[in-house]
Amino acid sequence: MGLFGKKQVSVSTDVDLEDVKFYRVQDASGIYDYAEVVMHRVPIVMNFDSCLLSEANEVLLFLTGVLYACDGEVVKIQDKIYLMAQKSDLAGPTLKKFIAEYQKK
């Protein structure tokens, strides 16, 4: 066929809320540990309240690249709180409900 074929439809997967890892980020020292969790397809919620803006940006930029490579996405839940997960997990009912409940409109 040609270069422009049909895009594969991603199937939504459901994760338990107990499987989601929650982190309060103090600095950028654990950046590779967070990336390791993301590469194992475990959703994470990151709270940057206690972190300097420059270090929070460093962590977010790095993990955004890791998520892009793993077909994932970053969702802003609240100011300084982000959910990072695979697109298929975000399409599942558990994370959709979590986002709807905690995301500020």
N, C-alpha and C. Protein backbone atom coordinates (compact mmCIF):
# COMPACT_ATOMS: atom_id res chain seq x y z
N MET A 1 0.83 -1.18 0.00
CA MET A 1 0.00 0.00 0.00
C MET A 1 0.88 1.24 0.00
N GLY A 2 0.26 2.38 0.15
CA GLY A 2 0.98 3.64 0.14
C GLY A 2 1.46 4.04 1.52
N LEU A 3 2.04 5.20 1.57
CA LEU A 3 2.55 5.72 2.83
C LEU A 3 1.44 6.09 3.80
N PHE A 4 0.32 6.50 3.25
CA PHE A 4 -0.75 7.02 4.09
C PHE A 4 -1.86 5.99 4.23
N GLY A 5 -1.66 5.07 5.15
CA GLY A 5 -2.67 4.06 5.42
C GLY A 5 -3.58 4.52 6.53
N LYS A 6 -4.51 3.69 6.88
CA LYS A 6 -5.42 4.02 7.97
C LYS A 6 -4.69 3.94 9.29
N LYS A 7 -5.00 4.88 10.15
CA LYS A 7 -4.40 4.90 11.49
C LYS A 7 -5.05 3.81 12.32
N GLN A 8 -4.20 3.06 13.05
CA GLN A 8 -4.74 2.01 13.90
C GLN A 8 -5.52 2.62 15.06
N VAL A 9 -6.66 2.05 15.34
CA VAL A 9 -7.48 2.51 16.45
C VAL A 9 -6.93 1.88 17.73
N SER A 10 -6.68 2.73 18.75
CA SER A 10 -6.15 2.18 20.00
C SER A 10 -7.32 1.68 20.85
N VAL A 11 -7.12 0.53 21.41
CA VAL A 11 -8.13 -0.09 22.27
C VAL A 11 -7.92 0.43 23.68
N SER A 12 -9.00 0.84 24.33
CA SER A 12 -8.86 1.35 25.69
C SER A 12 -8.64 0.20 26.67
N THR A 13 -7.75 0.45 27.61
CA THR A 13 -7.49 -0.53 28.66
C THR A 13 -7.87 0.11 29.98
N ASP A 14 -8.24 -0.71 30.91
CA ASP A 14 -8.66 -0.19 32.21
C ASP A 14 -7.61 -0.58 33.25
N VAL A 15 -7.19 0.40 34.03
CA VAL A 15 -6.25 0.14 35.12
C VAL A 15 -6.97 0.40 36.43
N ASP A 16 -6.54 -0.31 37.46
CA ASP A 16 -7.10 -0.06 38.78
C ASP A 16 -6.47 1.20 39.35
N LEU A 17 -7.25 1.93 40.13
CA LEU A 17 -6.72 3.14 40.75
C LEU A 17 -5.60 2.81 41.72
N GLU A 18 -5.59 1.59 42.24
CA GLU A 18 -4.51 1.16 43.14
C GLU A 18 -3.18 1.03 42.40
N ASP A 19 -3.23 0.85 41.08
CA ASP A 19 -2.02 0.71 40.28
C ASP A 19 -1.35 2.06 39.98
N VAL A 20 -2.09 3.14 40.12
CA VAL A 20 -1.55 4.47 39.82
C VAL A 20 -0.58 4.87 40.94
N LYS A 21 0.60 5.35 40.54
CA LYS A 21 1.61 5.80 41.50
C LYS A 21 1.48 7.31 41.68
N PHE A 22 1.54 7.76 42.93
CA PHE A 22 1.45 9.18 43.26
C PHE A 22 2.80 9.64 43.80
N TYR A 23 3.31 10.75 43.26
CA TYR A 23 4.61 11.29 43.68
C TYR A 23 4.48 12.77 44.01
N ARG A 24 5.11 13.19 45.11
CA ARG A 24 5.29 14.61 45.41
C ARG A 24 6.74 14.92 45.08
N VAL A 25 6.95 15.69 44.04
CA VAL A 25 8.28 15.96 43.52
C VAL A 25 8.91 17.12 44.30
N GLN A 26 10.09 16.87 44.86
CA GLN A 26 10.84 17.89 45.58
C GLN A 26 11.87 18.56 44.68
N ASP A 27 12.51 17.74 43.83
CA ASP A 27 13.54 18.23 42.91
C ASP A 27 13.65 17.24 41.75
N ALA A 28 14.61 17.46 40.88
CA ALA A 28 14.75 16.64 39.67
C ALA A 28 15.60 15.39 39.90
N SER A 29 15.94 15.09 41.14
CA SER A 29 16.86 13.97 41.40
C SER A 29 16.26 12.60 41.05
N GLY A 30 14.95 12.44 41.10
CA GLY A 30 14.34 11.14 40.81
C GLY A 30 13.82 11.01 39.39
N ILE A 31 14.32 11.83 38.49
CA ILE A 31 13.78 11.89 37.13
C ILE A 31 13.86 10.55 36.40
N TYR A 32 14.96 9.82 36.58
CA TYR A 32 15.12 8.53 35.89
C TYR A 32 14.25 7.45 36.53
N ASP A 33 14.00 7.55 37.82
CA ASP A 33 13.09 6.61 38.48
C ASP A 33 11.67 6.78 37.96
N TYR A 34 11.26 8.04 37.79
CA TYR A 34 9.92 8.31 37.24
C TYR A 34 9.81 7.78 35.81
N ALA A 35 10.88 7.98 35.03
CA ALA A 35 10.88 7.50 33.65
C ALA A 35 10.78 5.98 33.59
N GLU A 36 11.44 5.32 34.51
CA GLU A 36 11.38 3.85 34.57
C GLU A 36 9.95 3.37 34.83
N VAL A 37 9.26 4.04 35.72
CA VAL A 37 7.87 3.69 36.02
C VAL A 37 7.00 3.89 34.79
N VAL A 38 7.19 5.02 34.10
CA VAL A 38 6.42 5.32 32.89
C VAL A 38 6.68 4.28 31.81
N MET A 39 7.95 3.87 31.65
CA MET A 39 8.29 2.88 30.62
C MET A 39 7.70 1.50 30.92
N HIS A 40 7.37 1.25 32.17
CA HIS A 40 6.69 0.00 32.53
C HIS A 40 5.17 0.12 32.43
N ARG A 41 4.71 1.20 31.79
CA ARG A 41 3.30 1.43 31.50
C ARG A 41 2.44 1.58 32.75
N VAL A 42 3.02 2.16 33.80
CA VAL A 42 2.28 2.42 35.04
C VAL A 42 1.92 3.90 35.05
N PRO A 43 0.63 4.24 35.18
CA PRO A 43 0.24 5.65 35.25
C PRO A 43 0.79 6.30 36.53
N ILE A 44 1.21 7.56 36.41
CA ILE A 44 1.70 8.28 37.58
C ILE A 44 1.04 9.65 37.67
N VAL A 45 0.84 10.09 38.91
CA VAL A 45 0.35 11.45 39.18
C VAL A 45 1.49 12.17 39.89
N MET A 46 1.87 13.32 39.35
CA MET A 46 3.00 14.06 39.89
C MET A 46 2.51 15.40 40.44
N ASN A 47 2.88 15.66 41.70
CA ASN A 47 2.53 16.91 42.37
C ASN A 47 3.81 17.74 42.49
N PHE A 48 3.82 18.91 41.85
CA PHE A 48 5.00 19.77 41.82
C PHE A 48 4.88 20.96 42.77
N ASP A 49 4.00 20.89 43.78
CA ASP A 49 3.82 21.99 44.72
C ASP A 49 5.11 22.36 45.46
N SER A 50 5.89 21.37 45.83
CA SER A 50 7.10 21.59 46.65
C SER A 50 8.37 21.68 45.80
N CYS A 51 8.23 22.00 44.53
CA CYS A 51 9.36 21.95 43.62
C CYS A 51 9.58 23.33 42.98
N LEU A 52 10.85 23.67 42.75
CA LEU A 52 11.16 24.90 42.03
C LEU A 52 10.64 24.80 40.60
N LEU A 53 10.24 25.93 40.05
CA LEU A 53 9.67 25.96 38.71
C LEU A 53 10.64 25.41 37.66
N SER A 54 11.91 25.75 37.77
CA SER A 54 12.90 25.28 36.79
C SER A 54 13.06 23.77 36.84
N GLU A 55 13.07 23.21 38.04
CA GLU A 55 13.20 21.75 38.16
C GLU A 55 11.92 21.03 37.75
N ALA A 56 10.78 21.64 38.04
CA ALA A 56 9.50 21.06 37.60
C ALA A 56 9.45 21.02 36.07
N ASN A 57 9.90 22.08 35.43
CA ASN A 57 9.92 22.11 33.96
C ASN A 57 10.87 21.06 33.41
N GLU A 58 12.01 20.87 34.04
CA GLU A 58 12.98 19.86 33.60
C GLU A 58 12.36 18.46 33.66
N VAL A 59 11.71 18.16 34.77
CA VAL A 59 11.07 16.84 34.93
C VAL A 59 9.95 16.67 33.92
N LEU A 60 9.10 17.68 33.78
CA LEU A 60 7.98 17.59 32.83
C LEU A 60 8.46 17.41 31.39
N LEU A 61 9.46 18.17 30.99
CA LEU A 61 9.96 18.06 29.62
C LEU A 61 10.56 16.69 29.35
N PHE A 62 11.33 16.19 30.28
CA PHE A 62 11.95 14.88 30.09
C PHE A 62 10.88 13.78 30.02
N LEU A 63 9.95 13.80 30.96
CA LEU A 63 8.92 12.75 30.99
C LEU A 63 7.96 12.86 29.82
N THR A 64 7.75 14.06 29.30
CA THR A 64 6.92 14.21 28.11
C THR A 64 7.56 13.48 26.93
N GLY A 65 8.89 13.58 26.81
CA GLY A 65 9.60 12.85 25.76
C GLY A 65 9.51 11.35 25.94
N VAL A 66 9.64 10.90 27.17
CA VAL A 66 9.52 9.46 27.46
C VAL A 66 8.11 8.98 27.11
N LEU A 67 7.11 9.76 27.51
CA LEU A 67 5.72 9.38 27.21
C LEU A 67 5.45 9.37 25.71
N TYR A 68 6.01 10.33 24.99
CA TYR A 68 5.83 10.36 23.54
C TYR A 68 6.37 9.09 22.91
N ALA A 69 7.53 8.65 23.37
CA ALA A 69 8.15 7.43 22.83
C ALA A 69 7.33 6.19 23.19
N CYS A 70 6.62 6.23 24.31
CA CYS A 70 5.83 5.09 24.78
C CYS A 70 4.35 5.21 24.42
N ASP A 71 4.00 6.13 23.53
CA ASP A 71 2.62 6.39 23.13
C ASP A 71 1.77 6.79 24.33
N GLY A 72 2.29 7.71 25.11
CA GLY A 72 1.59 8.20 26.29
C GLY A 72 1.24 9.66 26.16
N GLU A 73 0.69 10.21 27.23
CA GLU A 73 0.21 11.58 27.21
C GLU A 73 0.25 12.17 28.61
N VAL A 74 0.39 13.49 28.69
CA VAL A 74 0.36 14.21 29.95
C VAL A 74 -0.97 14.96 30.02
N VAL A 75 -1.66 14.82 31.17
CA VAL A 75 -2.92 15.53 31.38
C VAL A 75 -2.77 16.39 32.63
N LYS A 76 -3.06 17.68 32.49
CA LYS A 76 -2.99 18.58 33.64
C LYS A 76 -4.27 18.39 34.45
N ILE A 77 -4.10 17.98 35.70
CA ILE A 77 -5.25 17.76 36.58
C ILE A 77 -5.61 19.06 37.30
N GLN A 78 -4.64 19.66 37.93
CA GLN A 78 -4.79 20.94 38.60
C GLN A 78 -3.48 21.69 38.43
N ASP A 79 -3.43 22.92 38.94
CA ASP A 79 -2.20 23.67 38.87
C ASP A 79 -1.11 22.90 39.61
N LYS A 80 -0.04 22.56 38.91
CA LYS A 80 1.12 21.83 39.44
C LYS A 80 0.86 20.36 39.72
N ILE A 81 -0.23 19.79 39.22
CA ILE A 81 -0.52 18.37 39.37
C ILE A 81 -0.83 17.79 37.99
N TYR A 82 -0.08 16.75 37.61
CA TYR A 82 -0.20 16.17 36.27
C TYR A 82 -0.35 14.65 36.35
N LEU A 83 -1.16 14.12 35.44
CA LEU A 83 -1.31 12.67 35.27
C LEU A 83 -0.58 12.29 34.00
N MET A 84 0.26 11.26 34.09
CA MET A 84 1.02 10.78 32.94
C MET A 84 0.71 9.30 32.77
N ALA A 85 0.18 8.96 31.59
CA ALA A 85 -0.23 7.58 31.35
C ALA A 85 -0.25 7.29 29.86
N GLN A 86 -0.39 6.01 29.53
CA GLN A 86 -0.53 5.58 28.14
C GLN A 86 -1.88 6.06 27.62
N LYS A 87 -1.94 6.35 26.33
CA LYS A 87 -3.19 6.82 25.73
C LYS A 87 -4.32 5.80 25.91
N SER A 88 -3.98 4.53 25.82
CA SER A 88 -5.00 3.49 25.97
C SER A 88 -5.55 3.45 27.40
N ASP A 89 -4.68 3.72 28.39
CA ASP A 89 -5.14 3.77 29.78
C ASP A 89 -6.00 5.01 30.03
N LEU A 90 -5.64 6.12 29.40
CA LEU A 90 -6.42 7.35 29.56
C LEU A 90 -7.82 7.21 28.95
N ALA A 91 -7.95 6.34 27.97
CA ALA A 91 -9.26 6.12 27.34
C ALA A 91 -10.13 5.17 28.16
N GLY A 92 -9.55 4.51 29.15
CA GLY A 92 -10.30 3.58 30.00
C GLY A 92 -11.18 4.30 31.01
N PRO A 93 -12.18 3.62 31.54
CA PRO A 93 -13.14 4.27 32.44
C PRO A 93 -12.56 4.76 33.77
N THR A 94 -11.58 4.07 34.32
CA THR A 94 -11.04 4.46 35.63
C THR A 94 -10.34 5.81 35.57
N LEU A 95 -9.43 5.98 34.61
CA LEU A 95 -8.70 7.25 34.52
C LEU A 95 -9.59 8.37 33.98
N LYS A 96 -10.56 8.05 33.15
CA LYS A 96 -11.51 9.07 32.71
C LYS A 96 -12.29 9.63 33.91
N LYS A 97 -12.72 8.73 34.79
CA LYS A 97 -13.45 9.15 35.98
C LYS A 97 -12.54 9.96 36.92
N PHE A 98 -11.29 9.52 37.08
CA PHE A 98 -10.33 10.23 37.92
C PHE A 98 -10.11 11.65 37.40
N ILE A 99 -9.92 11.80 36.11
CA ILE A 99 -9.70 13.11 35.49
C ILE A 99 -10.94 13.98 35.68
N ALA A 100 -12.11 13.43 35.41
CA ALA A 100 -13.34 14.21 35.53
C ALA A 100 -13.59 14.67 36.96
N GLU A 101 -13.20 13.85 37.92
CA GLU A 101 -13.44 14.18 39.32
C GLU A 101 -12.50 15.24 39.86
N TYR A 102 -11.23 15.19 39.46
CA TYR A 102 -10.23 16.06 40.07
C TYR A 102 -9.76 17.22 39.20
N GLN A 103 -10.08 17.19 37.91
CA GLN A 103 -9.61 18.25 37.03
C GLN A 103 -10.45 19.51 37.22
N LYS A 104 -9.75 20.65 37.39
CA LYS A 104 -10.45 21.92 37.50
C LYS A 104 -10.85 22.37 36.10
N LYS A 105 -12.03 22.85 36.00
CA LYS A 105 -12.55 23.31 34.71
C LYS A 105 -12.15 24.74 34.45
